[in-house]
Full PDB file with SEQRES, HELIX, SHEET, SSBOND, CRYST1, ORIGX, SCALE, CONECT and MASTER records, all heavy atoms in Angstrom:
SEQRES   1 A   32  SER VAL LEU ARG ILE TYR PRO MET ILE ILE PHE ASN ILE          
SEQRES   2 A   32  GLY SER VAL ILE THR TYR LEU LYS CYS ILE SER ILE ILE          
SEQRES   3 A   32  LYS TYR GLY TYR GLU LYS                                      
HELIX    1 AA1 TYR A    6  TYR A   28  1                                  23    
CRYST1    1.000    1.000    1.000  90.00  90.00  90.00 P 1           1          
ORIGX1      1.000000  0.000000  0.000000        0.00000                         
ORIGX2      0.000000  1.000000  0.000000        0.00000                         
ORIGX3      0.000000  0.000000  1.000000        0.00000                         
SCALE1      1.000000  0.000000  0.000000        0.00000                         
SCALE2      0.000000  1.000000  0.000000        0.00000                         
SCALE3      0.000000  0.000000  1.000000        0.00000                         
ATOM      1  N   SER A   1      77.940  93.014  62.376  1.00  0.00           N  
ATOM      2  CA  SER A   1      78.433  91.708  62.574  1.00  0.00           C  
ATOM      3  C   SER A   1      79.322  91.763  63.988  1.00  0.00           C  
ATOM      4  O   SER A   1      79.178  90.886  64.798  1.00  0.00           O  
ATOM      5  CB  SER A   1      79.401  91.268  61.533  1.00  0.00           C  
ATOM      6  OG  SER A   1      78.626  91.029  60.352  1.00  0.00           O  
ATOM      7  N   VAL A   2      80.036  92.886  64.099  1.00  0.00           N  
ATOM      8  CA  VAL A   2      80.838  93.025  65.413  1.00  0.00           C  
ATOM      9  C   VAL A   2      79.802  93.181  66.554  1.00  0.00           C  
ATOM     10  O   VAL A   2      80.056  92.620  67.620  1.00  0.00           O  
ATOM     11  CB  VAL A   2      81.722  94.289  65.299  1.00  0.00           C  
ATOM     12  CG1 VAL A   2      82.301  94.655  66.657  1.00  0.00           C  
ATOM     13  CG2 VAL A   2      82.809  94.020  64.274  1.00  0.00           C  
ATOM     14  N   LEU A   3      78.705  93.910  66.304  1.00  0.00           N  
ATOM     15  CA  LEU A   3      77.750  94.098  67.371  1.00  0.00           C  
ATOM     16  C   LEU A   3      76.785  92.951  67.530  1.00  0.00           C  
ATOM     17  O   LEU A   3      76.011  92.900  68.476  1.00  0.00           O  
ATOM     18  CB  LEU A   3      76.929  95.344  67.023  1.00  0.00           C  
ATOM     19  CG  LEU A   3      77.679  96.734  67.021  1.00  0.00           C  
ATOM     20  CD1 LEU A   3      76.702  97.809  66.587  1.00  0.00           C  
ATOM     21  CD2 LEU A   3      78.311  96.996  68.452  1.00  0.00           C  
ATOM     22  N   ARG A   4      76.844  91.968  66.646  1.00  0.00           N  
ATOM     23  CA  ARG A   4      76.055  90.734  66.609  1.00  0.00           C  
ATOM     24  C   ARG A   4      74.546  91.067  66.601  1.00  0.00           C  
ATOM     25  O   ARG A   4      73.759  90.462  67.320  1.00  0.00           O  
ATOM     26  CB  ARG A   4      76.322  89.941  67.850  1.00  0.00           C  
ATOM     27  CG  ARG A   4      77.797  89.366  67.880  1.00  0.00           C  
ATOM     28  CD  ARG A   4      78.178  88.481  69.082  1.00  0.00           C  
ATOM     29  NE  ARG A   4      79.466  88.018  69.105  1.00  0.00           N  
ATOM     30  CZ  ARG A   4      80.049  87.245  70.002  1.00  0.00           C  
ATOM     31  NH1 ARG A   4      79.236  86.821  71.098  1.00  0.00           N  
ATOM     32  NH2 ARG A   4      81.278  86.826  69.962  1.00  0.00           N  
ATOM     33  N   ILE A   5      74.218  92.011  65.731  1.00  0.00           N  
ATOM     34  CA  ILE A   5      72.652  92.270  65.558  1.00  0.00           C  
ATOM     35  C   ILE A   5      72.463  91.761  64.229  1.00  0.00           C  
ATOM     36  O   ILE A   5      72.500  92.302  63.153  1.00  0.00           O  
ATOM     37  CB  ILE A   5      72.556  93.798  65.606  1.00  0.00           C  
ATOM     38  CG1 ILE A   5      73.013  94.426  66.845  1.00  0.00           C  
ATOM     39  CG2 ILE A   5      71.043  94.204  65.450  1.00  0.00           C  
ATOM     40  CD1 ILE A   5      72.920  95.892  66.970  1.00  0.00           C  
ATOM     41  N   TYR A   6      71.931  90.443  64.354  1.00  0.00           N  
ATOM     42  CA  TYR A   6      71.746  89.601  63.047  1.00  0.00           C  
ATOM     43  C   TYR A   6      70.668  90.129  62.161  1.00  0.00           C  
ATOM     44  O   TYR A   6      70.834  90.104  60.906  1.00  0.00           O  
ATOM     45  CB  TYR A   6      71.516  88.218  63.432  1.00  0.00           C  
ATOM     46  CG  TYR A   6      72.705  87.572  64.241  1.00  0.00           C  
ATOM     47  CD1 TYR A   6      72.658  87.392  65.562  1.00  0.00           C  
ATOM     48  CD2 TYR A   6      73.898  87.362  63.477  1.00  0.00           C  
ATOM     49  CE1 TYR A   6      73.629  86.926  66.255  1.00  0.00           C  
ATOM     50  CE2 TYR A   6      74.960  86.858  64.209  1.00  0.00           C  
ATOM     51  CZ  TYR A   6      74.891  86.550  65.593  1.00  0.00           C  
ATOM     52  OH  TYR A   6      75.974  86.162  66.310  1.00  0.00           O  
ATOM     53  N   PRO A   7      69.550  90.656  62.619  1.00  0.00           N  
ATOM     54  CA  PRO A   7      68.471  91.212  61.635  1.00  0.00           C  
ATOM     55  C   PRO A   7      69.117  92.339  60.856  1.00  0.00           C  
ATOM     56  O   PRO A   7      68.808  92.450  59.599  1.00  0.00           O  
ATOM     57  CB  PRO A   7      67.403  91.729  62.574  1.00  0.00           C  
ATOM     58  CG  PRO A   7      67.563  90.936  63.839  1.00  0.00           C  
ATOM     59  CD  PRO A   7      68.970  90.646  63.993  1.00  0.00           C  
ATOM     60  N   MET A   8      69.898  93.190  61.474  1.00  0.00           N  
ATOM     61  CA  MET A   8      70.504  94.371  60.668  1.00  0.00           C  
ATOM     62  C   MET A   8      71.661  93.852  59.664  1.00  0.00           C  
ATOM     63  O   MET A   8      71.864  94.412  58.669  1.00  0.00           O  
ATOM     64  CB  MET A   8      71.174  95.333  61.618  1.00  0.00           C  
ATOM     65  CG  MET A   8      70.154  96.164  62.355  1.00  0.00           C  
ATOM     66  SD  MET A   8      68.823  96.871  61.343  1.00  0.00           S  
ATOM     67  CE  MET A   8      69.805  97.980  60.303  1.00  0.00           C  
ATOM     68  N   ILE A   9      72.385  92.725  60.101  1.00  0.00           N  
ATOM     69  CA  ILE A   9      73.307  92.063  59.185  1.00  0.00           C  
ATOM     70  C   ILE A   9      72.536  91.633  57.931  1.00  0.00           C  
ATOM     71  O   ILE A   9      72.955  91.994  56.743  1.00  0.00           O  
ATOM     72  CB  ILE A   9      73.970  90.883  59.795  1.00  0.00           C  
ATOM     73  CG1 ILE A   9      74.826  91.328  61.000  1.00  0.00           C  
ATOM     74  CG2 ILE A   9      74.878  90.170  58.760  1.00  0.00           C  
ATOM     75  CD1 ILE A   9      75.425  90.190  61.793  1.00  0.00           C  
ATOM     76  N   ILE A  10      71.418  90.979  58.134  1.00  0.00           N  
ATOM     77  CA  ILE A  10      70.606  90.417  56.933  1.00  0.00           C  
ATOM     78  C   ILE A  10      70.091  91.600  56.179  1.00  0.00           C  
ATOM     79  O   ILE A  10      70.064  91.596  54.926  1.00  0.00           O  
ATOM     80  CB  ILE A  10      69.539  89.542  57.497  1.00  0.00           C  
ATOM     81  CG1 ILE A  10      70.138  88.286  58.120  1.00  0.00           C  
ATOM     82  CG2 ILE A  10      68.600  89.115  56.304  1.00  0.00           C  
ATOM     83  CD1 ILE A  10      68.988  87.390  58.825  1.00  0.00           C  
ATOM     84  N   PHE A  11      69.565  92.577  56.864  1.00  0.00           N  
ATOM     85  CA  PHE A  11      68.972  93.799  56.163  1.00  0.00           C  
ATOM     86  C   PHE A  11      70.065  94.424  55.313  1.00  0.00           C  
ATOM     87  O   PHE A  11      69.837  94.819  54.054  1.00  0.00           O  
ATOM     88  CB  PHE A  11      68.552  94.804  57.216  1.00  0.00           C  
ATOM     89  CG  PHE A  11      67.711  95.912  56.609  1.00  0.00           C  
ATOM     90  CD1 PHE A  11      66.401  96.022  56.777  1.00  0.00           C  
ATOM     91  CD2 PHE A  11      68.380  96.954  55.897  1.00  0.00           C  
ATOM     92  CE1 PHE A  11      65.592  97.039  56.293  1.00  0.00           C  
ATOM     93  CE2 PHE A  11      67.649  97.954  55.381  1.00  0.00           C  
ATOM     94  CZ  PHE A  11      66.247  98.030  55.496  1.00  0.00           C  
ATOM     95  N   ASN A  12      71.256  94.655  55.763  1.00  0.00           N  
ATOM     96  CA  ASN A  12      72.308  95.357  55.018  1.00  0.00           C  
ATOM     97  C   ASN A  12      72.847  94.430  53.894  1.00  0.00           C  
ATOM     98  O   ASN A  12      73.163  94.948  52.798  1.00  0.00           O  
ATOM     99  CB  ASN A  12      73.497  95.772  55.905  1.00  0.00           C  
ATOM    100  CG  ASN A  12      73.119  97.030  56.675  1.00  0.00           C  
ATOM    101  OD1 ASN A  12      73.311  98.129  56.114  1.00  0.00           O  
ATOM    102  ND2 ASN A  12      72.653  96.924  57.891  1.00  0.00           N  
ATOM    103  N   ILE A  13      72.900  93.055  54.069  1.00  0.00           N  
ATOM    104  CA  ILE A  13      73.298  92.256  52.962  1.00  0.00           C  
ATOM    105  C   ILE A  13      72.203  92.454  51.843  1.00  0.00           C  
ATOM    106  O   ILE A  13      72.538  92.526  50.651  1.00  0.00           O  
ATOM    107  CB  ILE A  13      73.373  90.826  53.386  1.00  0.00           C  
ATOM    108  CG1 ILE A  13      74.643  90.703  54.358  1.00  0.00           C  
ATOM    109  CG2 ILE A  13      73.555  89.834  52.268  1.00  0.00           C  
ATOM    110  CD1 ILE A  13      74.714  89.256  55.022  1.00  0.00           C  
ATOM    111  N   GLY A  14      70.945  92.431  52.206  1.00  0.00           N  
ATOM    112  CA  GLY A  14      69.842  92.590  51.295  1.00  0.00           C  
ATOM    113  C   GLY A  14      70.002  93.968  50.596  1.00  0.00           C  
ATOM    114  O   GLY A  14      69.740  94.038  49.301  1.00  0.00           O  
ATOM    115  N   SER A  15      70.404  94.951  51.272  1.00  0.00           N  
ATOM    116  CA  SER A  15      70.611  96.317  50.725  1.00  0.00           C  
ATOM    117  C   SER A  15      71.748  96.267  49.697  1.00  0.00           C  
ATOM    118  O   SER A  15      71.619  96.829  48.574  1.00  0.00           O  
ATOM    119  CB  SER A  15      70.897  97.270  51.834  1.00  0.00           C  
ATOM    120  OG  SER A  15      69.741  97.444  52.698  1.00  0.00           O  
ATOM    121  N   VAL A  16      72.888  95.646  50.029  1.00  0.00           N  
ATOM    122  CA  VAL A  16      73.916  95.490  49.084  1.00  0.00           C  
ATOM    123  C   VAL A  16      73.535  94.846  47.799  1.00  0.00           C  
ATOM    124  O   VAL A  16      73.816  95.318  46.733  1.00  0.00           O  
ATOM    125  CB  VAL A  16      75.150  94.744  49.746  1.00  0.00           C  
ATOM    126  CG1 VAL A  16      76.238  94.588  48.706  1.00  0.00           C  
ATOM    127  CG2 VAL A  16      75.705  95.591  50.950  1.00  0.00           C  
ATOM    128  N   ILE A  17      72.824  93.705  47.935  1.00  0.00           N  
ATOM    129  CA  ILE A  17      72.255  93.005  46.744  1.00  0.00           C  
ATOM    130  C   ILE A  17      71.380  93.926  45.935  1.00  0.00           C  
ATOM    131  O   ILE A  17      71.430  93.898  44.684  1.00  0.00           O  
ATOM    132  CB  ILE A  17      71.591  91.727  47.163  1.00  0.00           C  
ATOM    133  CG1 ILE A  17      72.538  90.740  47.806  1.00  0.00           C  
ATOM    134  CG2 ILE A  17      70.871  91.065  45.988  1.00  0.00           C  
ATOM    135  CD1 ILE A  17      71.945  89.578  48.503  1.00  0.00           C  
ATOM    136  N   THR A  18      70.508  94.678  46.628  1.00  0.00           N  
ATOM    137  CA  THR A  18      69.599  95.551  45.919  1.00  0.00           C  
ATOM    138  C   THR A  18      70.317  96.587  45.147  1.00  0.00           C  
ATOM    139  O   THR A  18      70.065  96.908  43.978  1.00  0.00           O  
ATOM    140  CB  THR A  18      68.650  96.187  46.916  1.00  0.00           C  
ATOM    141  OG1 THR A  18      67.915  95.203  47.590  1.00  0.00           O  
ATOM    142  CG2 THR A  18      67.664  97.169  46.248  1.00  0.00           C  
ATOM    143  N   TYR A  19      71.392  97.189  45.765  1.00  0.00           N  
ATOM    144  CA  TYR A  19      72.084  98.271  45.089  1.00  0.00           C  
ATOM    145  C   TYR A  19      72.983  97.764  43.937  1.00  0.00           C  
ATOM    146  O   TYR A  19      73.101  98.419  42.936  1.00  0.00           O  
ATOM    147  CB  TYR A  19      73.023  99.038  46.062  1.00  0.00           C  
ATOM    148  CG  TYR A  19      72.153 100.001  46.949  1.00  0.00           C  
ATOM    149  CD1 TYR A  19      72.177  99.820  48.292  1.00  0.00           C  
ATOM    150  CD2 TYR A  19      71.401 100.978  46.384  1.00  0.00           C  
ATOM    151  CE1 TYR A  19      71.483 100.662  49.059  1.00  0.00           C  
ATOM    152  CE2 TYR A  19      70.672 101.816  47.183  1.00  0.00           C  
ATOM    153  CZ  TYR A  19      70.634 101.678  48.552  1.00  0.00           C  
ATOM    154  OH  TYR A  19      69.944 102.510  49.318  1.00  0.00           O  
ATOM    155  N   LEU A  20      73.477  96.582  44.028  1.00  0.00           N  
ATOM    156  CA  LEU A  20      74.212  95.897  42.927  1.00  0.00           C  
ATOM    157  C   LEU A  20      73.247  95.707  41.768  1.00  0.00           C  
ATOM    158  O   LEU A  20      73.634  95.844  40.601  1.00  0.00           O  
ATOM    159  CB  LEU A  20      74.819  94.613  43.387  1.00  0.00           C  
ATOM    160  CG  LEU A  20      75.998  94.714  44.394  1.00  0.00           C  
ATOM    161  CD1 LEU A  20      76.501  93.284  44.763  1.00  0.00           C  
ATOM    162  CD2 LEU A  20      77.216  95.458  43.744  1.00  0.00           C  
ATOM    163  N   LYS A  21      72.003  95.303  42.111  1.00  0.00           N  
ATOM    164  CA  LYS A  21      71.002  95.174  41.010  1.00  0.00           C  
ATOM    165  C   LYS A  21      70.683  96.542  40.407  1.00  0.00           C  
ATOM    166  O   LYS A  21      70.509  96.656  39.175  1.00  0.00           O  
ATOM    167  CB  LYS A  21      69.685  94.495  41.582  1.00  0.00           C  
ATOM    168  CG  LYS A  21      68.607  94.290  40.593  1.00  0.00           C  
ATOM    169  CD  LYS A  21      68.987  93.311  39.516  1.00  0.00           C  
ATOM    170  CE  LYS A  21      67.777  93.092  38.541  1.00  0.00           C  
ATOM    171  NZ  LYS A  21      68.106  92.331  37.414  1.00  0.00           N  
ATOM    172  N   CYS A  22      70.619  97.555  41.180  1.00  0.00           N  
ATOM    173  CA  CYS A  22      70.392  98.894  40.704  1.00  0.00           C  
ATOM    174  C   CYS A  22      71.477  99.356  39.729  1.00  0.00           C  
ATOM    175  O   CYS A  22      71.177 100.003  38.765  1.00  0.00           O  
ATOM    176  CB  CYS A  22      70.256  99.948  41.869  1.00  0.00           C  
ATOM    177  SG  CYS A  22      68.723  99.757  42.820  1.00  0.00           S  
ATOM    178  N   ILE A  23      72.618  98.986  40.093  1.00  0.00           N  
ATOM    179  CA  ILE A  23      73.837  99.464  39.276  1.00  0.00           C  
ATOM    180  C   ILE A  23      73.684  98.799  37.857  1.00  0.00           C  
ATOM    181  O   ILE A  23      73.924  99.295  36.859  1.00  0.00           O  
ATOM    182  CB  ILE A  23      75.232  98.993  39.881  1.00  0.00           C  
ATOM    183  CG1 ILE A  23      75.393  99.861  41.141  1.00  0.00           C  
ATOM    184  CG2 ILE A  23      76.359  99.152  38.936  1.00  0.00           C  
ATOM    185  CD1 ILE A  23      76.567  99.471  41.987  1.00  0.00           C  
ATOM    186  N   SER A  24      73.263  97.486  37.883  1.00  0.00           N  
ATOM    187  CA  SER A  24      73.053  96.814  36.579  1.00  0.00           C  
ATOM    188  C   SER A  24      71.888  97.450  35.783  1.00  0.00           C  
ATOM    189  O   SER A  24      71.968  97.566  34.549  1.00  0.00           O  
ATOM    190  CB  SER A  24      72.677  95.276  36.896  1.00  0.00           C  
ATOM    191  OG  SER A  24      72.375  94.621  35.703  1.00  0.00           O  
ATOM    192  N   ILE A  25      70.822  97.847  36.511  1.00  0.00           N  
ATOM    193  CA  ILE A  25      69.719  98.410  35.790  1.00  0.00           C  
ATOM    194  C   ILE A  25      70.153  99.824  35.236  1.00  0.00           C  
ATOM    195  O   ILE A  25      69.739 100.067  34.140  1.00  0.00           O  
ATOM    196  CB  ILE A  25      68.575  98.687  36.811  1.00  0.00           C  
ATOM    197  CG1 ILE A  25      67.954  97.360  37.222  1.00  0.00           C  
ATOM    198  CG2 ILE A  25      67.479  99.610  36.212  1.00  0.00           C  
ATOM    199  CD1 ILE A  25      66.924  97.517  38.356  1.00  0.00           C  
ATOM    200  N   ILE A  26      70.926 100.539  36.027  1.00  0.00           N  
ATOM    201  CA  ILE A  26      71.448 101.898  35.494  1.00  0.00           C  
ATOM    202  C   ILE A  26      72.287 101.606  34.258  1.00  0.00           C  
ATOM    203  O   ILE A  26      72.194 102.403  33.303  1.00  0.00           O  
ATOM    204  CB  ILE A  26      72.222 102.619  36.578  1.00  0.00           C  
ATOM    205  CG1 ILE A  26      71.363 102.933  37.704  1.00  0.00           C  
ATOM    206  CG2 ILE A  26      72.980 103.829  36.028  1.00  0.00           C  
ATOM    207  CD1 ILE A  26      72.088 103.428  38.957  1.00  0.00           C  
ATOM    208  N   LYS A  27      73.127 100.595  34.232  1.00  0.00           N  
ATOM    209  CA  LYS A  27      74.052 100.371  33.129  1.00  0.00           C  
ATOM    210  C   LYS A  27      73.313 100.152  31.851  1.00  0.00           C  
ATOM    211  O   LYS A  27      73.670 100.619  30.853  1.00  0.00           O  
ATOM    212  CB  LYS A  27      74.987  99.312  33.500  1.00  0.00           C  
ATOM    213  CG  LYS A  27      76.023  98.996  32.462  1.00  0.00           C  
ATOM    214  CD  LYS A  27      77.003  97.805  32.894  1.00  0.00           C  
ATOM    215  CE  LYS A  27      78.024  97.532  31.799  1.00  0.00           C  
ATOM    216  NZ  LYS A  27      78.918  96.413  32.248  1.00  0.00           N  
ATOM    217  N   TYR A  28      72.255  99.299  31.987  1.00  0.00           N  
ATOM    218  CA  TYR A  28      71.601  98.851  30.690  1.00  0.00           C  
ATOM    219  C   TYR A  28      70.223  99.499  30.492  1.00  0.00           C  
ATOM    220  O   TYR A  28      69.561  99.346  29.461  1.00  0.00           O  
ATOM    221  CB  TYR A  28      71.379  97.308  30.761  1.00  0.00           C  
ATOM    222  CG  TYR A  28      72.691  96.587  30.795  1.00  0.00           C  
ATOM    223  CD1 TYR A  28      73.099  95.982  31.978  1.00  0.00           C  
ATOM    224  CD2 TYR A  28      73.517  96.452  29.750  1.00  0.00           C  
ATOM    225  CE1 TYR A  28      74.296  95.267  32.085  1.00  0.00           C  
ATOM    226  CE2 TYR A  28      74.692  95.769  29.743  1.00  0.00           C  
ATOM    227  CZ  TYR A  28      75.092  95.143  30.967  1.00  0.00           C  
ATOM    228  OH  TYR A  28      76.273  94.497  31.026  1.00  0.00           O  
ATOM    229  N   GLY A  29      69.742 100.294  31.370  1.00  0.00           N  
ATOM    230  CA  GLY A  29      68.410 100.923  31.326  1.00  0.00           C  
ATOM    231  C   GLY A  29      68.428 102.327  30.821  1.00  0.00           C  
ATOM    232  O   GLY A  29      69.482 102.825  30.411  1.00  0.00           O  
ATOM    233  N   TYR A  30      67.296 102.975  30.870  1.00  0.00           N  
ATOM    234  CA  TYR A  30      67.153 104.373  30.352  1.00  0.00           C  
ATOM    235  C   TYR A  30      66.513 105.181  31.446  1.00  0.00           C  
ATOM    236  O   TYR A  30      66.584 104.814  32.604  1.00  0.00           O  
ATOM    237  CB  TYR A  30      66.422 104.448  29.052  1.00  0.00           C  
ATOM    238  CG  TYR A  30      67.182 103.794  27.937  1.00  0.00           C  
ATOM    239  CD1 TYR A  30      66.959 102.469  27.605  1.00  0.00           C  
ATOM    240  CD2 TYR A  30      68.061 104.535  27.187  1.00  0.00           C  
ATOM    241  CE1 TYR A  30      67.727 101.766  26.556  1.00  0.00           C  
ATOM    242  CE2 TYR A  30      68.808 103.907  26.129  1.00  0.00           C  
ATOM    243  CZ  TYR A  30      68.587 102.604  25.875  1.00  0.00           C  
ATOM    244  OH  TYR A  30      69.261 101.986  24.812  1.00  0.00           O  
ATOM    245  N   GLU A  31      65.995 106.391  31.108  1.00  0.00           N  
ATOM    246  CA  GLU A  31      65.455 107.404  32.074  1.00  0.00           C  
ATOM    247  C   GLU A  31      64.495 106.710  33.036  1.00  0.00           C  
ATOM    248  O   GLU A  31      64.609 107.021  34.268  1.00  0.00           O  
ATOM    249  CB  GLU A  31      64.826 108.479  31.351  1.00  0.00           C  
ATOM    250  CG  GLU A  31      65.792 109.358  30.530  1.00  0.00           C  
ATOM    251  CD  GLU A  31      65.869 108.973  29.066  1.00  0.00           C  
ATOM    252  OE1 GLU A  31      65.499 107.800  28.779  1.00  0.00           O  
ATOM    253  OE2 GLU A  31      66.282 109.729  28.280  1.00  0.00           O  
ATOM    254  N   LYS A  32      63.499 105.979  32.610  1.00  0.00           N  
ATOM    255  CA  LYS A  32      62.539 105.463  33.493  1.00  0.00           C  
ATOM    256  C   LYS A  32      63.238 104.544  34.576  1.00  0.00           C  
ATOM    257  O   LYS A  32      62.848 104.452  35.655  1.00  0.00           O  
ATOM    258  CB  LYS A  32      61.500 104.581  32.676  1.00  0.00           C  
ATOM    259  CG  LYS A  32      60.530 105.563  31.919  1.00  0.00           C  
ATOM    260  CD  LYS A  32      59.513 104.699  31.151  1.00  0.00           C  
ATOM    261  CE  LYS A  32      58.562 105.654  30.354  1.00  0.00           C  
ATOM    262  NZ  LYS A  32      57.542 104.874  29.623  1.00  0.00           N  
TER     263      LYS A  32                                                      
MASTER        0    0    0    1    0    0    0    6  262    1    0    3          
END                                                                             
């Protein structure tokens, strides 16, 4: 955001959302 590289801002926001979803999967899921 400081560097004003908007594609990477969007990419990292998407990554954060993805990892939050992963945390939810880990919490309620199993080995697979």
